[in-house]
PDB file of N, CA and C in Angstrom:
ATOM      1  N   MET A   1      62.550 -82.143  54.964  1.00  0.00           N
ATOM      2  CA  MET A   1      63.191 -82.188  56.270  1.00  0.00           C
ATOM      3  C   MET A   1      62.212 -82.774  57.292  1.00  0.00           C
ATOM      4  N   ALA A   2      62.632 -83.766  58.023  1.00  0.00           N
ATOM      5  CA  ALA A   2      61.779 -84.439  59.001  1.00  0.00           C
ATOM      6  C   ALA A   2      61.612 -83.585  60.245  1.00  0.00           C
ATOM      7  N   THR A   3      60.426 -83.683  60.839  1.00  0.00           N
ATOM      8  CA  THR A   3      60.173 -82.948  62.077  1.00  0.00           C
ATOM      9  C   THR A   3      60.629 -83.776  63.269  1.00  0.00           C
ATOM     10  N   GLU A   4      60.720 -83.113  64.411  1.00  0.00           N
ATOM     11  CA  GLU A   4      61.159 -83.784  65.627  1.00  0.00           C
ATOM     12  C   GLU A   4      60.115 -84.808  66.083  1.00  0.00           C
ATOM     13  N   ARG A   5      60.564 -85.931  66.543  1.00  0.00           N
ATOM     14  CA  ARG A   5      59.685 -87.008  66.995  1.00  0.00           C
ATOM     15  C   ARG A   5      58.987 -86.604  68.294  1.00  0.00           C
ATOM     16  N   VAL A   6      57.698 -86.930  68.389  1.00  0.00           N
ATOM     17  CA  VAL A   6      56.934 -86.674  69.608  1.00  0.00           C
ATOM     18  C   VAL A   6      57.204 -87.814  70.575  1.00  0.00           C
ATOM     19  N   LYS A   7      57.652 -87.473  71.780  1.00  0.00           N
ATOM     20  CA  LYS A   7      57.940 -88.496  72.783  1.00  0.00           C
ATOM     21  C   LYS A   7      56.642 -89.150  73.240  1.00  0.00           C
ATOM     22  N   PRO A   8      56.638 -90.474  73.391  1.00  0.00           N
ATOM     23  CA  PRO A   8      55.424 -91.140  73.882  1.00  0.00           C
ATOM     24  C   PRO A   8      55.131 -90.752  75.331  1.00  0.00           C
ATOM     25  N   ILE A   9      53.905 -90.973  75.731  1.00  0.00           N
ATOM     26  CA  ILE A   9      53.510 -90.796  77.128  1.00  0.00           C
ATOM     27  C   ILE A   9      53.798 -92.119  77.832  1.00  0.00           C
ATOM     28  N   ILE A  10      54.479 -92.054  78.961  1.00  0.00           N
ATOM     29  CA  ILE A  10      54.768 -93.245  79.766  1.00  0.00           C
ATOM     30  C   ILE A  10      53.986 -93.121  81.066  1.00  0.00           C
ATOM     31  N   ILE A  11      53.222 -94.140  81.383  1.00  0.00           N
ATOM     32  CA  ILE A  11      52.489 -94.191  82.648  1.00  0.00           C
ATOM     33  C   ILE A  11      53.092 -95.322  83.463  1.00  0.00           C
ATOM     34  N   ARG A  12      53.537 -94.991  84.650  1.00  0.00           N
ATOM     35  CA  ARG A  12      54.099 -95.995  85.554  1.00  0.00           C
ATOM     36  C   ARG A  12      53.161 -96.174  86.736  1.00  0.00           C
ATOM     37  N   ASP A  13      52.729 -97.396  86.952  1.00  0.00           N
ATOM     38  CA  ASP A  13      51.825 -97.727  88.041  1.00  0.00           C
ATOM     39  C   ASP A  13      52.614 -98.511  89.077  1.00  0.00           C
ATOM     40  N   ALA A  14      53.040 -97.835  90.136  1.00  0.00           N
ATOM     41  CA  ALA A  14      53.853 -98.467  91.179  1.00  0.00           C
ATOM     42  C   ALA A  14      53.053 -99.491  91.976  1.00  0.00           C
ATOM     43  N   GLU A  15      51.744 -99.333  91.993  1.00  0.00           N
ATOM     44  CA  GLU A  15      50.882-100.241  92.748  1.00  0.00           C
ATOM     45  C   GLU A  15      50.987-101.677  92.241  1.00  0.00           C
ATOM     46  N   ASN A  16      51.032-101.841  90.923  1.00  0.00           N
ATOM     47  CA  ASN A  16      51.137-103.196  90.368  1.00  0.00           C
ATOM     48  C   ASN A  16      52.393-103.378  89.509  1.00  0.00           C
ATOM     49  N   ASN A  17      53.317-102.428  89.619  1.00  0.00           N
ATOM     50  CA  ASN A  17      54.599-102.488  88.914  1.00  0.00           C
ATOM     51  C   ASN A  17      54.431-102.625  87.397  1.00  0.00           C
ATOM     52  N   GLU A  18      53.468-101.880  86.843  1.00  0.00           N
ATOM     53  CA  GLU A  18      53.207-101.878  85.403  1.00  0.00           C
ATOM     54  C   GLU A  18      53.699-100.576  84.790  1.00  0.00           C
ATOM     55  N   GLU A  19      54.092-100.669  83.521  1.00  0.00           N
ATOM     56  CA  GLU A  19      54.466 -99.484  82.764  1.00  0.00           C
ATOM     57  C   GLU A  19      53.734 -99.544  81.431  1.00  0.00           C
ATOM     58  N   TYR A  20      53.123 -98.438  81.057  1.00  0.00           N
ATOM     59  CA  TYR A  20      52.360 -98.357  79.812  1.00  0.00           C
ATOM     60  C   TYR A  20      52.952 -97.269  78.934  1.00  0.00           C
ATOM     61  N   THR A  21      53.140 -97.590  77.668  1.00  0.00           N
ATOM     62  CA  THR A  21      53.653 -96.632  76.693  1.00  0.00           C
ATOM     63  C   THR A  21      52.526 -96.282  75.736  1.00  0.00           C
ATOM     64  N   LEU A  22      52.213 -95.000  75.653  1.00  0.00           N
ATOM     65  CA  LEU A  22      51.123 -94.533  74.808  1.00  0.00           C
ATOM     66  C   LEU A  22      51.692 -93.813  73.599  1.00  0.00           C
ATOM     67  N   GLU A  23      51.368 -94.310  72.431  1.00  0.00           N
ATOM     68  CA  GLU A  23      51.694 -93.640  71.174  1.00  0.00           C
ATOM     69  C   GLU A  23      50.899 -94.289  70.049  1.00  0.00           C
ATOM     70  N   PHE A  24      51.051 -93.777  68.853  1.00  0.00           N
ATOM     71  CA  PHE A  24      50.274 -94.233  67.711  1.00  0.00           C
ATOM     72  C   PHE A  24      51.171 -94.601  66.540  1.00  0.00           C
ATOM     73  N   ASN A  25      50.674 -95.534  65.741  1.00  0.00           N
ATOM     74  CA  ASN A  25      51.274 -95.844  64.445  1.00  0.00           C
ATOM     75  C   ASN A  25      50.120 -95.977  63.447  1.00  0.00           C
ATOM     76  N   ARG A  26      50.435 -96.330  62.244  1.00  0.00           N
ATOM     77  CA  ARG A  26      49.413 -96.443  61.198  1.00  0.00           C
ATOM     78  C   ARG A  26      48.318 -97.423  61.608  1.00  0.00           C
ATOM     79  N   GLU A  27      48.697 -98.555  62.153  1.00  0.00           N
ATOM     80  CA  GLU A  27      47.724 -99.579  62.533  1.00  0.00           C
ATOM     81  C   GLU A  27      46.746 -99.082  63.602  1.00  0.00           C
ATOM     82  N   THR A  28      47.251 -98.370  64.601  1.00  0.00           N
ATOM     83  CA  THR A  28      46.363 -97.895  65.659  1.00  0.00           C
ATOM     84  C   THR A  28      45.416 -96.811  65.153  1.00  0.00           C
ATOM     85  N   ILE A  29      45.885 -95.997  64.230  1.00  0.00           N
ATOM     86  CA  ILE A  29      45.018 -94.970  63.652  1.00  0.00           C
ATOM     87  C   ILE A  29      43.949 -95.623  62.775  1.00  0.00           C
ATOM     88  N   LEU A  30      44.324 -96.635  62.017  1.00  0.00           N
ATOM     89  CA  LEU A  30      43.319 -97.365  61.238  1.00  0.00           C
ATOM     90  C   LEU A  30      42.269 -97.990  62.148  1.00  0.00           C
ATOM     91  N   PHE A  31      42.693 -98.521  63.269  1.00  0.00           N
ATOM     92  CA  PHE A  31      41.771 -99.093  64.256  1.00  0.00           C
ATOM     93  C   PHE A  31      40.788 -98.015  64.737  1.00  0.00           C
ATOM     94  N   ALA A  32      41.315 -96.849  65.105  1.00  0.00           N
ATOM     95  CA  ALA A  32      40.464 -95.756  65.586  1.00  0.00           C
ATOM     96  C   ALA A  32      39.513 -95.273  64.494  1.00  0.00           C
ATOM     97  N   GLU A  33      40.034 -95.073  63.301  1.00  0.00           N
ATOM     98  CA  GLU A  33      39.201 -94.585  62.201  1.00  0.00           C
ATOM     99  C   GLU A  33      38.128 -95.595  61.821  1.00  0.00           C
ATOM    100  N   SER A  34      38.418 -96.875  61.947  1.00  0.00           N
ATOM    101  CA  SER A  34      37.416 -97.894  61.616  1.00  0.00           C
ATOM    102  C   SER A  34      36.240 -97.843  62.596  1.00  0.00           C
ATOM    103  N   ARG A  35      36.446 -97.194  63.733  1.00  0.00           N
ATOM    104  CA  ARG A  35      35.383 -96.999  64.723  1.00  0.00           C
ATOM    105  C   ARG A  35      34.838 -95.573  64.657  1.00  0.00           C
ATOM    106  N   LYS A  36      35.078 -94.928  63.532  1.00  0.00           N
ATOM    107  CA  LYS A  36      34.556 -93.581  63.243  1.00  0.00           C
ATOM    108  C   LYS A  36      35.144 -92.501  64.139  1.00  0.00           C
ATOM    109  N   PHE A  37      36.348 -92.733  64.683  1.00  0.00           N
ATOM    110  CA  PHE A  37      36.996 -91.711  65.492  1.00  0.00           C
ATOM    111  C   PHE A  37      37.486 -90.594  64.581  1.00  0.00           C
ATOM    112  N   ASP A  38      37.241 -89.358  64.998  1.00  0.00           N
ATOM    113  CA  ASP A  38      37.687 -88.167  64.268  1.00  0.00           C
ATOM    114  C   ASP A  38      38.412 -87.271  65.270  1.00  0.00           C
ATOM    115  N   ILE A  39      39.687 -87.041  65.064  1.00  0.00           N
ATOM    116  CA  ILE A  39      40.495 -86.255  66.000  1.00  0.00           C
ATOM    117  C   ILE A  39      39.908 -84.853  66.218  1.00  0.00           C
ATOM    118  N   ASP A  40      39.222 -84.317  65.224  1.00  0.00           N
ATOM    119  CA  ASP A  40      38.615 -82.993  65.374  1.00  0.00           C
ATOM    120  C   ASP A  40      37.480 -82.990  66.391  1.00  0.00           C
ATOM    121  N   ASP A  41      36.910 -84.145  66.673  1.00  0.00           N
ATOM    122  CA  ASP A  41      35.835 -84.236  67.662  1.00  0.00           C
ATOM    123  C   ASP A  41      36.345 -84.083  69.094  1.00  0.00           C
ATOM    124  N   VAL A  42      37.639 -84.239  69.310  1.00  0.00           N
ATOM    125  CA  VAL A  42      38.189 -84.125  70.668  1.00  0.00           C
ATOM    126  C   VAL A  42      37.916 -82.736  71.237  1.00  0.00           C
ATOM    127  N   GLY A  43      38.077 -81.711  70.436  1.00  0.00           N
ATOM    128  CA  GLY A  43      37.804 -80.348  70.894  1.00  0.00           C
ATOM    129  C   GLY A  43      36.328 -80.079  71.096  1.00  0.00           C
ATOM    130  N   ARG A  44      35.472 -80.732  70.318  1.00  0.00           N
ATOM    131  CA  ARG A  44      34.025 -80.524  70.425  1.00  0.00           C
ATOM    132  C   ARG A  44      33.389 -81.338  71.549  1.00  0.00           C
ATOM    133  N   TYR A  45      33.914 -82.542  71.779  1.00  0.00           N
ATOM    134  CA  TYR A  45      33.331 -83.452  72.769  1.00  0.00           C
ATOM    135  C   TYR A  45      34.425 -84.027  73.675  1.00  0.00           C
ATOM    136  N   PRO A  46      35.118 -83.186  74.416  1.00  0.00           N
ATOM    137  CA  PRO A  46      36.279 -83.664  75.177  1.00  0.00           C
ATOM    138  C   PRO A  46      35.957 -84.710  76.244  1.00  0.00           C
ATOM    139  N   MET A  47      34.794 -84.612  76.898  1.00  0.00           N
ATOM    140  CA  MET A  47      34.469 -85.577  77.951  1.00  0.00           C
ATOM    141  C   MET A  47      34.306 -86.989  77.406  1.00  0.00           C
ATOM    142  N   THR A  48      33.913 -87.102  76.165  1.00  0.00           N
ATOM    143  CA  THR A  48      33.753 -88.400  75.514  1.00  0.00           C
ATOM    144  C   THR A  48      35.018 -88.812  74.783  1.00  0.00           C
ATOM    145  N   LYS A  49      35.598 -87.878  74.049  1.00  0.00           N
ATOM    146  CA  LYS A  49      36.652 -88.221  73.103  1.00  0.00           C
ATOM    147  C   LYS A  49      38.051 -88.331  73.702  1.00  0.00           C
ATOM    148  N   ILE A  50      38.352 -87.612  74.773  1.00  0.00           N
ATOM    149  CA  ILE A  50      39.686 -87.744  75.380  1.00  0.00           C
ATOM    150  C   ILE A  50      39.878 -89.142  75.971  1.00  0.00           C
ATOM    151  N   PRO A  51      38.913 -89.682  76.728  1.00  0.00           N
ATOM    152  CA  PRO A  51      39.085 -91.070  77.192  1.00  0.00           C
ATOM    153  C   PRO A  51      39.152 -92.081  76.048  1.00  0.00           C
ATOM    154  N   GLU A  52      38.425 -91.809  74.974  1.00  0.00           N
ATOM    155  CA  GLU A  52      38.489 -92.693  73.805  1.00  0.00           C
ATOM    156  C   GLU A  52      39.874 -92.633  73.155  1.00  0.00           C
ATOM    157  N   LEU A  53      40.398 -91.430  72.974  1.00  0.00           N
ATOM    158  CA  LEU A  53      41.739 -91.257  72.418  1.00  0.00           C
ATOM    159  C   LEU A  53      42.781 -91.911  73.317  1.00  0.00           C
ATOM    160  N   PHE A  54      42.596 -91.779  74.620  1.00  0.00           N
ATOM    161  CA  PHE A  54      43.475 -92.411  75.603  1.00  0.00           C
ATOM    162  C   PHE A  54      43.504 -93.922  75.378  1.00  0.00           C
ATOM    163  N   TRP A  55      42.342 -94.544  75.186  1.00  0.00           N
ATOM    164  CA  TRP A  55      42.269 -95.980  74.920  1.00  0.00           C
ATOM    165  C   TRP A  55      43.003 -96.342  73.626  1.00  0.00           C
ATOM    166  N   TYR A  56      42.764 -95.586  72.575  1.00  0.00           N
ATOM    167  CA  TYR A  56      43.436 -95.876  71.303  1.00  0.00           C
ATOM    168  C   TYR A  56      44.958 -95.763  71.435  1.00  0.00           C
ATOM    169  N   ALA A  57      45.436 -94.853  72.288  1.00  0.00           N
ATOM    170  CA  ALA A  57      46.875 -94.665  72.473  1.00  0.00           C
ATOM    171  C   ALA A  57      47.550 -95.893  73.066  1.00  0.00           C
ATOM    172  N   PHE A  58      46.801 -96.738  73.745  1.00  0.00           N
ATOM    173  CA  PHE A  58      47.346 -97.978  74.309  1.00  0.00           C
ATOM    174  C   PHE A  58      47.570 -99.042  73.231  1.00  0.00           C
ATOM    175  N   ARG A  59      46.852 -98.968  72.134  1.00  0.00           N
ATOM    176  CA  ARG A  59      46.805-100.045  71.141  1.00  0.00           C
ATOM    177  C   ARG A  59      48.171-100.418  70.552  1.00  0.00           C
ATOM    178  N   MET A  60      49.036 -99.459  70.383  1.00  0.00           N
ATOM    179  CA  MET A  60      50.319 -99.748  69.730  1.00  0.00           C
ATOM    180  C   MET A  60      51.167-100.726  70.552  1.00  0.00           C
ATOM    181  N   HIS A  61      51.215-100.547  71.857  1.00  0.00           N
ATOM    182  CA  HIS A  61      52.079-101.367  72.706  1.00  0.00           C
ATOM    183  C   HIS A  61      51.326-102.309  73.644  1.00  0.00           C
ATOM    184  N   HIS A  62      50.027-102.066  73.803  1.00  0.00           N
ATOM    185  CA  HIS A  62      49.231-102.851  74.760  1.00  0.00           C
ATOM    186  C   HIS A  62      47.892-103.211  74.110  1.00  0.00           C
ATOM    187  N   LYS A  63      47.973-103.940  73.039  1.00  0.00           N
ATOM    188  CA  LYS A  63      46.822-104.230  72.191  1.00  0.00           C
ATOM    189  C   LYS A  63      45.673-104.901  72.941  1.00  0.00           C
ATOM    190  N   SER A  64      45.965-105.656  73.959  1.00  0.00           N
ATOM    191  CA  SER A  64      44.915-106.400  74.652  1.00  0.00           C
ATOM    192  C   SER A  64      44.165-105.573  75.698  1.00  0.00           C
ATOM    193  N   MET A  65      44.558-104.328  75.914  1.00  0.00           N
ATOM    194  CA  MET A  65      43.883-103.484  76.915  1.00  0.00           C
ATOM    195  C   MET A  65      42.479-103.128  76.435  1.00  0.00           C
ATOM    196  N   SER A  66      41.498-103.379  77.288  1.00  0.00           N
ATOM    197  CA  SER A  66      40.117-103.042  76.956  1.00  0.00           C
ATOM    198  C   SER A  66      39.839-101.577  77.305  1.00  0.00           C
ATOM    199  N   LYS A  67      38.772-101.044  76.765  1.00  0.00           N
ATOM    200  CA  LYS A  67      38.354 -99.682  77.089  1.00  0.00           C
ATOM    201  C   LYS A  67      38.036 -99.588  78.579  1.00  0.00           C
ATOM    202  N   GLN A  68      37.450-100.624  79.127  1.00  0.00           N
ATOM    203  CA  GLN A  68      37.144-100.654  80.559  1.00  0.00           C
ATOM    204  C   GLN A  68      38.431-100.536  81.390  1.00  0.00           C
ATOM    205  N   GLN A  69      39.492-101.234  80.972  1.00  0.00           N
ATOM    206  CA  GLN A  69      40.767-101.165  81.697  1.00  0.00           C
ATOM    207  C   GLN A  69      41.397 -99.782  81.589  1.00  0.00           C
ATOM    208  N   THR A  70      41.374 -99.201  80.381  1.00  0.00           N
ATOM    209  CA  THR A  70      41.992 -97.878  80.230  1.00  0.00           C
ATOM    210  C   THR A  70      41.159 -96.803  80.903  1.00  0.00           C
ATOM    211  N   ASP A  71      39.836 -96.964  80.935  1.00  0.00           N
ATOM    212  CA  ASP A  71      38.995 -96.019  81.687  1.00  0.00           C
ATOM    213  C   ASP A  71      39.329 -96.069  83.174  1.00  0.00           C
ATOM    214  N   LYS A  72      39.581 -97.260  83.690  1.00  0.00           N
ATOM    215  CA  LYS A  72      39.949 -97.398  85.104  1.00  0.00           C
ATOM    216  C   LYS A  72      41.273 -96.668  85.382  1.00  0.00           C
ATOM    217  N   ILE A  73      42.229 -96.826  84.475  1.00  0.00           N
ATOM    218  CA  ILE A  73      43.512 -96.127  84.636  1.00  0.00           C
ATOM    219  C   ILE A  73      43.292 -94.619  84.583  1.00  0.00           C
ATOM    220  N   PHE A  74      42.542 -94.167  83.575  1.00  0.00           N
ATOM    221  CA  PHE A  74      42.337 -92.731  83.388  1.00  0.00           C
ATOM    222  C   PHE A  74      41.559 -92.110  84.544  1.00  0.00           C
ATOM    223  N   PHE A  75      40.415 -92.691  84.873  1.00  0.00           N
ATOM    224  CA  PHE A  75      39.526 -92.062  85.847  1.00  0.00           C
ATOM    225  C   PHE A  75      39.865 -92.384  87.297  1.00  0.00           C
ATOM    226  N   GLU A  76      40.279 -93.621  87.581  1.00  0.00           N
ATOM    227  CA  GLU A  76      40.535 -94.003  88.969  1.00  0.00           C
ATOM    228  C   GLU A  76      41.991 -93.801  89.372  1.00  0.00           C
ATOM    229  N   LYS A  77      42.906 -94.303  88.577  1.00  0.00           N
ATOM    230  CA  LYS A  77      44.324 -94.233  88.965  1.00  0.00           C
ATOM    231  C   LYS A  77      44.928 -92.850  88.719  1.00  0.00           C
ATOM    232  N   LEU A  78      44.586 -92.230  87.575  1.00  0.00           N
ATOM    233  CA  LEU A  78      45.139 -90.904  87.272  1.00  0.00           C
ATOM    234  C   LEU A  78      44.262 -89.766  87.789  1.00  0.00           C
ATOM    235  N   GLY A  79      43.031 -90.057  88.137  1.00  0.00           N
ATOM    236  CA  GLY A  79      42.152 -89.005  88.648  1.00  0.00           C
ATOM    237  C   GLY A  79      41.386 -88.263  87.581  1.00  0.00           C
ATOM    238  N   GLY A  80      41.302 -88.837  86.378  1.00  0.00           N
ATOM    239  CA  GLY A  80      40.517 -88.221  85.309  1.00  0.00           C
ATOM    240  C   GLY A  80      41.063 -86.889  84.858  1.00  0.00           C
ATOM    241  N   PHE A  81      40.162 -86.037  84.423  1.00  0.00           N
ATOM    242  CA  PHE A  81      40.555 -84.747  83.851  1.00  0.00           C
ATOM    243  C   PHE A  81      41.279 -83.865  84.861  1.00  0.00           C
ATOM    244  N   GLU A  82      40.939 -84.002  86.130  1.00  0.00           N
ATOM    245  CA  GLU A  82      41.582 -83.184  87.164  1.00  0.00           C
ATOM    246  C   GLU A  82      42.961 -83.713  87.541  1.00  0.00           C
ATOM    247  N   GLY A  83      43.213 -84.997  87.288  1.00  0.00           N
ATOM    248  CA  GLY A  83      44.447 -85.617  87.749  1.00  0.00           C
ATOM    249  C   GLY A  83      45.592 -85.651  86.759  1.00  0.00           C
ATOM    250  N   VAL A  84      45.289 -85.509  85.479  1.00  0.00           N
ATOM    251  CA  VAL A  84      46.364 -85.576  84.491  1.00  0.00           C
ATOM    252  C   VAL A  84      47.071 -84.228  84.393  1.00  0.00           C
ATOM    253  N   PRO A  85      48.343 -84.242  84.040  1.00  0.00           N
ATOM    254  CA  PRO A  85      49.088 -82.978  83.957  1.00  0.00           C
ATOM    255  C   PRO A  85      48.576 -82.075  82.839  1.00  0.00           C
ATOM    256  N   ASP A  86      48.827 -80.777  82.981  1.00  0.00           N
ATOM    257  CA  ASP A  86      48.512 -79.836  81.913  1.00  0.00           C
ATOM    258  C   ASP A  86      49.225 -80.284  80.639  1.00  0.00           C
ATOM    259  N   GLY A  87      48.546 -80.172  79.542  1.00  0.00           N
ATOM    260  CA  GLY A  87      49.145 -80.553  78.269  1.00  0.00           C
ATOM    261  C   GLY A  87      48.941 -82.009  77.901  1.00  0.00           C
ATOM    262  N   PHE A  88      48.281 -82.771  78.760  1.00  0.00           N
ATOM    263  CA  PHE A  88      48.092 -84.201  78.515  1.00  0.00           C
ATOM    264  C   PHE A  88      47.287 -84.457  77.235  1.00  0.00           C
ATOM    265  N   ALA A  89      46.135 -83.801  77.106  1.00  0.00           N
ATOM    266  CA  ALA A  89      45.297 -83.995  75.920  1.00  0.00           C
ATOM    267  C   ALA A  89      46.016 -83.508  74.664  1.00  0.00           C
ATOM    268  N   THR A  90      46.751 -82.421  74.799  1.00  0.00           N
ATOM    269  CA  THR A  90      47.510 -81.899  73.658  1.00  0.00           C
ATOM    270  C   THR A  90      48.549 -82.914  73.196  1.00  0.00           C
ATOM    271  N   ARG A  91      49.250 -83.530  74.150  1.00  0.00           N
ATOM    272  CA  ARG A  91      50.264 -84.535  73.797  1.00  0.00           C
ATOM    273  C   ARG A  91      49.609 -85.738  73.130  1.00  0.00           C
ATOM    274  N   LEU A  92      48.448 -86.183  73.630  1.00  0.00           N
ATOM    275  CA  LEU A  92      47.754 -87.292  72.979  1.00  0.00           C
ATOM    276  C   LEU A  92      47.453 -86.943  71.523  1.00  0.00           C
ATOM    277  N   GLY A  93      46.995 -85.713  71.289  1.00  0.00           N
ATOM    278  CA  GLY A  93      46.722 -85.267  69.920  1.00  0.00           C
ATOM    279  C   GLY A  93      47.970 -85.229  69.067  1.00  0.00           C
ATOM    280  N   GLU A  94      49.076 -84.758  69.636  1.00  0.00           N
ATOM    281  CA  GLU A  94      50.351 -84.734  68.904  1.00  0.00           C
ATOM    282  C   GLU A  94      50.803 -86.151  68.555  1.00  0.00           C
ATOM    283  N   LEU A  95      50.619 -87.061  69.497  1.00  0.00           N
ATOM    284  CA  LEU A  95      50.987 -88.458  69.237  1.00  0.00           C
ATOM    285  C   LEU A  95      50.117 -89.052  68.138  1.00  0.00           C
ATOM    286  N   TYR A  96      48.830 -88.716  68.147  1.00  0.00           N
ATOM    287  CA  TYR A  96      47.924 -89.205  67.108  1.00  0.00           C
ATOM    288  C   TYR A  96      48.337 -88.681  65.736  1.00  0.00           C
ATOM    289  N   ASN A  97      48.757 -87.430  65.689  1.00  0.00           N
ATOM    290  CA  ASN A  97      49.137 -86.814  64.414  1.00  0.00           C
ATOM    291  C   ASN A  97      50.544 -87.177  63.959  1.00  0.00           C
ATOM    292  N   ALA A  98      51.369 -87.715  64.841  1.00  0.00           N
ATOM    293  CA  ALA A  98      52.764 -88.007  64.504  1.00  0.00           C
ATOM    294  C   ALA A  98      52.930 -88.929  63.297  1.00  0.00           C
ATOM    295  N   PRO A  99      52.163 -90.001  63.147  1.00  0.00           N
ATOM    296  CA  PRO A  99      52.345 -90.845  61.957  1.00  0.00           C
ATOM    297  C   PRO A  99      52.039 -90.100  60.651  1.00  0.00           C
ATOM    298  N   PHE A 100      51.076 -89.177  60.676  1.00  0.00           N
ATOM    299  CA  PHE A 100      50.776 -88.390  59.485  1.00  0.00           C
ATOM    300  C   PHE A 100      51.942 -87.473  59.152  1.00  0.00           C
ATOM    301  N   THR A 101      52.477 -86.816  60.182  1.00  0.00           N
ATOM    302  CA  THR A 101      53.603 -85.909  60.001  1.00  0.00           C
ATOM    303  C   THR A 101      54.808 -86.665  59.455  1.00  0.00           C
ATOM    304  N   ALA A 102      55.084 -87.826  60.010  1.00  0.00           N
ATOM    305  CA  ALA A 102      56.217 -88.636  59.541  1.00  0.00           C
ATOM    306  C   ALA A 102      56.019 -89.044  58.089  1.00  0.00           C
ATOM    307  N   PHE A 103      54.788 -89.358  57.730  1.00  0.00           N
ATOM    308  CA  PHE A 103      54.500 -89.770  56.354  1.00  0.00           C
ATOM    309  C   PHE A 103      54.722 -88.622  55.380  1.00  0.00           C
ATOM    310  N   PHE A 104      54.207 -87.444  55.706  1.00  0.00           N
ATOM    311  CA  PHE A 104      54.286 -86.326  54.775  1.00  0.00           C
ATOM    312  C   PHE A 104      55.617 -85.593  54.818  1.00  0.00           C
ATOM    313  N   ASP A 105      56.352 -85.691  55.937  1.00  0.00           N
ATOM    314  CA  ASP A 105      57.633 -85.009  56.049  1.00  0.00           C
ATOM    315  C   ASP A 105      58.819 -85.915  55.751  1.00  0.00           C
ATOM    316  N   GLY A 106      58.584 -87.197  55.623  1.00  0.00           N
ATOM    317  CA  GLY A 106      59.675 -88.143  55.423  1.00  0.00           C
ATOM    318  C   GLY A 106      60.233 -88.099  54.020  1.00  0.00           C
ATOM    319  N   GLU A 107      61.385 -88.672  53.884  1.00  0.00           N
ATOM    320  CA  GLU A 107      62.008 -88.787  52.581  1.00  0.00           C
ATOM    321  C   GLU A 107      61.267 -89.835  51.758  1.00  0.00           C
ATOM    322  N   PRO A 108      61.057 -89.587  50.484  1.00  0.00           N
ATOM    323  CA  PRO A 108      60.386 -90.590  49.663  1.00  0.00           C
ATOM    324  C   PRO A 108      61.211 -91.868  49.578  1.00  0.00           C
ATOM    325  N   THR A 109      60.520 -92.981  49.553  1.00  0.00           N
ATOM    326  CA  THR A 109      61.179 -94.275  49.405  1.00  0.00           C
ATOM    327  C   THR A 109      61.622 -94.412  47.967  1.00  0.00           C
ATOM    328  N   LYS A 110      62.855 -94.813  47.788  1.00  0.00           N
ATOM    329  CA  LYS A 110      63.390 -94.984  46.447  1.00  0.00           C
ATOM    330  C   LYS A 110      63.163 -96.408  45.971  1.00  0.00           C
ATOM    331  N   ASN A 111      62.456 -96.545  44.870  1.00  0.00           N
ATOM    332  CA  ASN A 111      62.239 -97.830  44.238  1.00  0.00           C
ATOM    333  C   ASN A 111      62.323 -97.601  42.742  1.00  0.00           C
ATOM    334  N   PRO A 112      63.396 -98.028  42.105  1.00  0.00           N
ATOM    335  CA  PRO A 112      63.586 -97.732  40.680  1.00  0.00           C
ATOM    336  C   PRO A 112      62.549 -98.420  39.789  1.00  0.00           C
ATOM    337  N   ASN A 113      61.828 -99.384  40.297  1.00  0.00           N
ATOM    338  CA  ASN A 113      60.845-100.096  39.492  1.00  0.00           C
ATOM    339  C   ASN A 113      59.455 -99.482  39.515  1.00  0.00           C
ATOM    340  N   VAL A 114      59.252 -98.486  40.395  1.00  0.00           N
ATOM    341  CA  VAL A 114      57.947 -97.856  40.509  1.00  0.00           C
ATOM    342  C   VAL A 114      58.131 -96.348  40.450  1.00  0.00           C
ATOM    343  N   THR A 115      57.344 -95.691  39.628  1.00  0.00           N
ATOM    344  CA  THR A 115      57.412 -94.244  39.540  1.00  0.00           C
ATOM    345  C   THR A 115      56.012 -93.663  39.660  1.00  0.00           C
ATOM    346  N   VAL A 116      55.958 -92.398  40.077  1.00  0.00           N
ATOM    347  CA  VAL A 116      54.698 -91.676  40.166  1.00  0.00           C
ATOM    348  C   VAL A 116      54.859 -90.405  39.354  1.00  0.00           C
ATOM    349  N   GLU A 117      53.925 -90.170  38.481  1.00  0.00           N
ATOM    350  CA  GLU A 117      53.944 -88.945  37.678  1.00  0.00           C
ATOM    351  C   GLU A 117      52.704 -88.149  38.015  1.00  0.00           C
ATOM    352  N   LEU A 118      52.886 -86.873  38.356  1.00  0.00           N
ATOM    353  CA  LEU A 118      51.756 -85.999  38.683  1.00  0.00           C
ATOM    354  C   LEU A 118      51.525 -85.000  37.567  1.00  0.00           C
TER     355      LEU A 118
END
């Protein structure tokens, strides 16, 4: 049975009429992991890892955004840790974990030409 989908985070910047959608897929997680990102480090090093996770969350829909650009959004436009709503970091973590949940909770793909025996 599939679990409920985690809604993406939407950031609307009225100043420049931009909208950013934050979420993750397999490709964005591979990108993060290739840079040695470990989701468990977010709880241990939140001042470093939450802004990093925030940057990775842009990758799915806004691939060209640099870390410098997302840091500006996080720290200047949103007000950093004091400015984001309660539950923000938790939602980022849920979004990061969503592709794993979908993979393990999804229905197996049916392909009569390939079988797996355990």
